[in-house]
Amino acid sequence: SLVEDLGYSSDYLEALCFLIIGNETLNNNPSNVPNATGAKGFAILGQISPVLRKR
């Protein structure tokens, strides 16, 4: 497959995609593709929800 030709195992493709999207979200970068999805514009995907712990 093309993914494996690039040196990546296809077993890890989904995890790699989530890693990239998560990194873009942490850096406030849009990571959608409006031309491919029909979205009206670029958007930051996901939400970072910190856990507040009581001591």
N, C-alpha and C. Protein backbone atom coordinates (compact mmCIF):
# COMPACT_ATOMS: atom_id res chain seq x y z
N SER A 1 0.84 -1.19 0.00
CA SER A 1 0.00 0.00 0.00
C SER A 1 0.88 1.25 0.00
N LEU A 2 0.30 2.37 -0.35
CA LEU A 2 1.03 3.63 -0.39
C LEU A 2 1.59 4.00 0.98
N VAL A 3 0.80 3.77 2.01
CA VAL A 3 1.24 4.09 3.37
C VAL A 3 2.50 3.30 3.71
N GLU A 4 2.50 2.03 3.40
CA GLU A 4 3.66 1.19 3.70
C GLU A 4 4.85 1.54 2.81
N ASP A 5 4.59 2.00 1.59
CA ASP A 5 5.67 2.46 0.71
C ASP A 5 6.38 3.67 1.29
N LEU A 6 5.67 4.46 2.10
CA LEU A 6 6.26 5.64 2.74
C LEU A 6 6.98 5.29 4.04
N GLY A 7 6.93 4.02 4.42
CA GLY A 7 7.64 3.58 5.62
C GLY A 7 6.79 3.48 6.87
N TYR A 8 5.47 3.59 6.72
CA TYR A 8 4.57 3.50 7.88
C TYR A 8 3.78 2.20 7.80
N SER A 9 3.55 1.59 8.94
CA SER A 9 2.72 0.40 8.98
C SER A 9 1.26 0.81 8.88
N SER A 10 0.50 0.14 8.04
CA SER A 10 -0.92 0.48 7.90
C SER A 10 -1.68 0.17 9.19
N ASP A 11 -1.10 -0.66 10.06
CA ASP A 11 -1.73 -0.96 11.35
C ASP A 11 -1.81 0.27 12.23
N TYR A 12 -0.93 1.23 12.02
CA TYR A 12 -0.86 2.41 12.87
C TYR A 12 -1.41 3.67 12.21
N LEU A 13 -2.02 3.54 11.05
CA LEU A 13 -2.47 4.71 10.29
C LEU A 13 -3.50 5.54 11.06
N GLU A 14 -4.50 4.91 11.65
CA GLU A 14 -5.53 5.66 12.38
C GLU A 14 -4.92 6.40 13.57
N ALA A 15 -4.05 5.73 14.32
CA ALA A 15 -3.41 6.37 15.47
C ALA A 15 -2.56 7.55 15.02
N LEU A 16 -1.86 7.40 13.91
CA LEU A 16 -1.04 8.49 13.38
C LEU A 16 -1.91 9.68 12.98
N CYS A 17 -3.06 9.42 12.38
CA CYS A 17 -3.97 10.51 12.00
C CYS A 17 -4.48 11.26 13.23
N PHE A 18 -4.85 10.53 14.28
CA PHE A 18 -5.31 11.19 15.51
C PHE A 18 -4.18 11.97 16.17
N LEU A 19 -2.96 11.46 16.08
CA LEU A 19 -1.82 12.19 16.63
C LEU A 19 -1.64 13.52 15.91
N ILE A 20 -1.74 13.51 14.60
CA ILE A 20 -1.58 14.74 13.81
C ILE A 20 -2.70 15.73 14.13
N ILE A 21 -3.94 15.25 14.16
CA ILE A 21 -5.07 16.14 14.46
C ILE A 21 -4.93 16.71 15.88
N GLY A 22 -4.55 15.88 16.85
CA GLY A 22 -4.36 16.35 18.21
C GLY A 22 -3.27 17.40 18.32
N ASN A 23 -2.18 17.20 17.61
CA ASN A 23 -1.09 18.17 17.62
C ASN A 23 -1.56 19.50 17.02
N GLU A 24 -2.29 19.44 15.94
CA GLU A 24 -2.80 20.67 15.31
C GLU A 24 -3.77 21.38 16.24
N THR A 25 -4.62 20.63 16.95
CA THR A 25 -5.56 21.23 17.89
C THR A 25 -4.81 21.93 19.03
N LEU A 26 -3.79 21.27 19.57
CA LEU A 26 -3.00 21.87 20.65
C LEU A 26 -2.33 23.17 20.22
N ASN A 27 -2.00 23.27 18.95
CA ASN A 27 -1.32 24.45 18.42
C ASN A 27 -2.28 25.44 17.75
N ASN A 28 -3.60 25.24 17.96
CA ASN A 28 -4.64 26.12 17.40
C ASN A 28 -4.56 26.25 15.89
N ASN A 29 -4.25 25.14 15.22
CA ASN A 29 -4.22 25.13 13.76
C ASN A 29 -5.41 24.34 13.23
N PRO A 30 -6.09 24.86 12.21
CA PRO A 30 -7.17 24.09 11.61
C PRO A 30 -6.62 22.84 10.94
N SER A 31 -7.38 21.76 11.00
CA SER A 31 -6.88 20.51 10.41
C SER A 31 -7.92 19.80 9.56
N ASN A 32 -8.97 20.51 9.19
CA ASN A 32 -9.92 19.91 8.27
C ASN A 32 -9.56 20.30 6.83
N VAL A 33 -10.24 19.68 5.88
CA VAL A 33 -9.99 19.95 4.45
C VAL A 33 -11.34 20.31 3.82
N PRO A 34 -11.69 21.62 3.82
CA PRO A 34 -13.00 22.03 3.33
C PRO A 34 -13.32 21.54 1.92
N ASN A 35 -12.35 21.52 1.03
CA ASN A 35 -12.61 21.06 -0.34
C ASN A 35 -13.02 19.60 -0.39
N ALA A 36 -12.54 18.81 0.55
CA ALA A 36 -12.84 17.38 0.57
C ALA A 36 -14.13 17.07 1.32
N THR A 37 -14.47 17.90 2.31
CA THR A 37 -15.61 17.60 3.17
C THR A 37 -16.85 18.42 2.88
N GLY A 38 -16.68 19.52 2.14
CA GLY A 38 -17.81 20.41 1.89
C GLY A 38 -18.03 21.41 3.00
N ALA A 39 -17.12 21.48 3.97
CA ALA A 39 -17.25 22.46 5.05
C ALA A 39 -17.15 23.87 4.49
N LYS A 40 -17.74 24.82 5.19
CA LYS A 40 -17.74 26.22 4.73
C LYS A 40 -16.39 26.89 4.91
N GLY A 41 -15.56 26.36 5.77
CA GLY A 41 -14.25 26.95 6.01
C GLY A 41 -13.39 26.05 6.86
N PHE A 42 -12.21 26.55 7.17
CA PHE A 42 -11.29 25.79 8.00
C PHE A 42 -11.75 25.80 9.45
N ALA A 43 -11.45 24.72 10.18
CA ALA A 43 -11.86 24.61 11.58
C ALA A 43 -10.81 23.86 12.37
N ILE A 44 -10.70 24.23 13.64
CA ILE A 44 -9.86 23.48 14.56
C ILE A 44 -10.70 22.30 15.03
N LEU A 45 -10.18 21.10 14.88
CA LEU A 45 -10.94 19.90 15.21
C LEU A 45 -10.63 19.44 16.63
N GLY A 46 -11.64 18.97 17.32
CA GLY A 46 -11.45 18.43 18.66
C GLY A 46 -11.50 19.48 19.74
N GLN A 47 -11.37 19.02 20.95
CA GLN A 47 -11.41 19.90 22.11
C GLN A 47 -10.47 19.32 23.16
N ILE A 48 -9.67 20.18 23.76
CA ILE A 48 -8.78 19.76 24.84
C ILE A 48 -9.50 20.03 26.16
N SER A 49 -9.73 19.00 26.94
CA SER A 49 -10.46 19.12 28.21
C SER A 49 -9.55 18.69 29.36
N PRO A 50 -8.94 19.66 30.05
CA PRO A 50 -8.06 19.29 31.16
C PRO A 50 -8.86 18.70 32.32
N VAL A 51 -8.24 17.78 33.02
CA VAL A 51 -8.87 17.16 34.18
C VAL A 51 -8.44 17.93 35.42
N LEU A 52 -9.42 18.38 36.19
CA LEU A 52 -9.13 19.09 37.43
C LEU A 52 -9.22 18.08 38.57
N ARG A 53 -8.14 17.92 39.29
CA ARG A 53 -8.10 16.94 40.37
C ARG A 53 -8.04 17.65 41.72
N LYS A 54 -8.82 17.14 42.65
CA LYS A 54 -8.78 17.66 44.02
C LYS A 54 -7.69 16.93 44.78
N ARG A 55 -7.00 17.66 45.64
CA ARG A 55 -5.96 17.03 46.46
C ARG A 55 -6.45 16.83 47.86
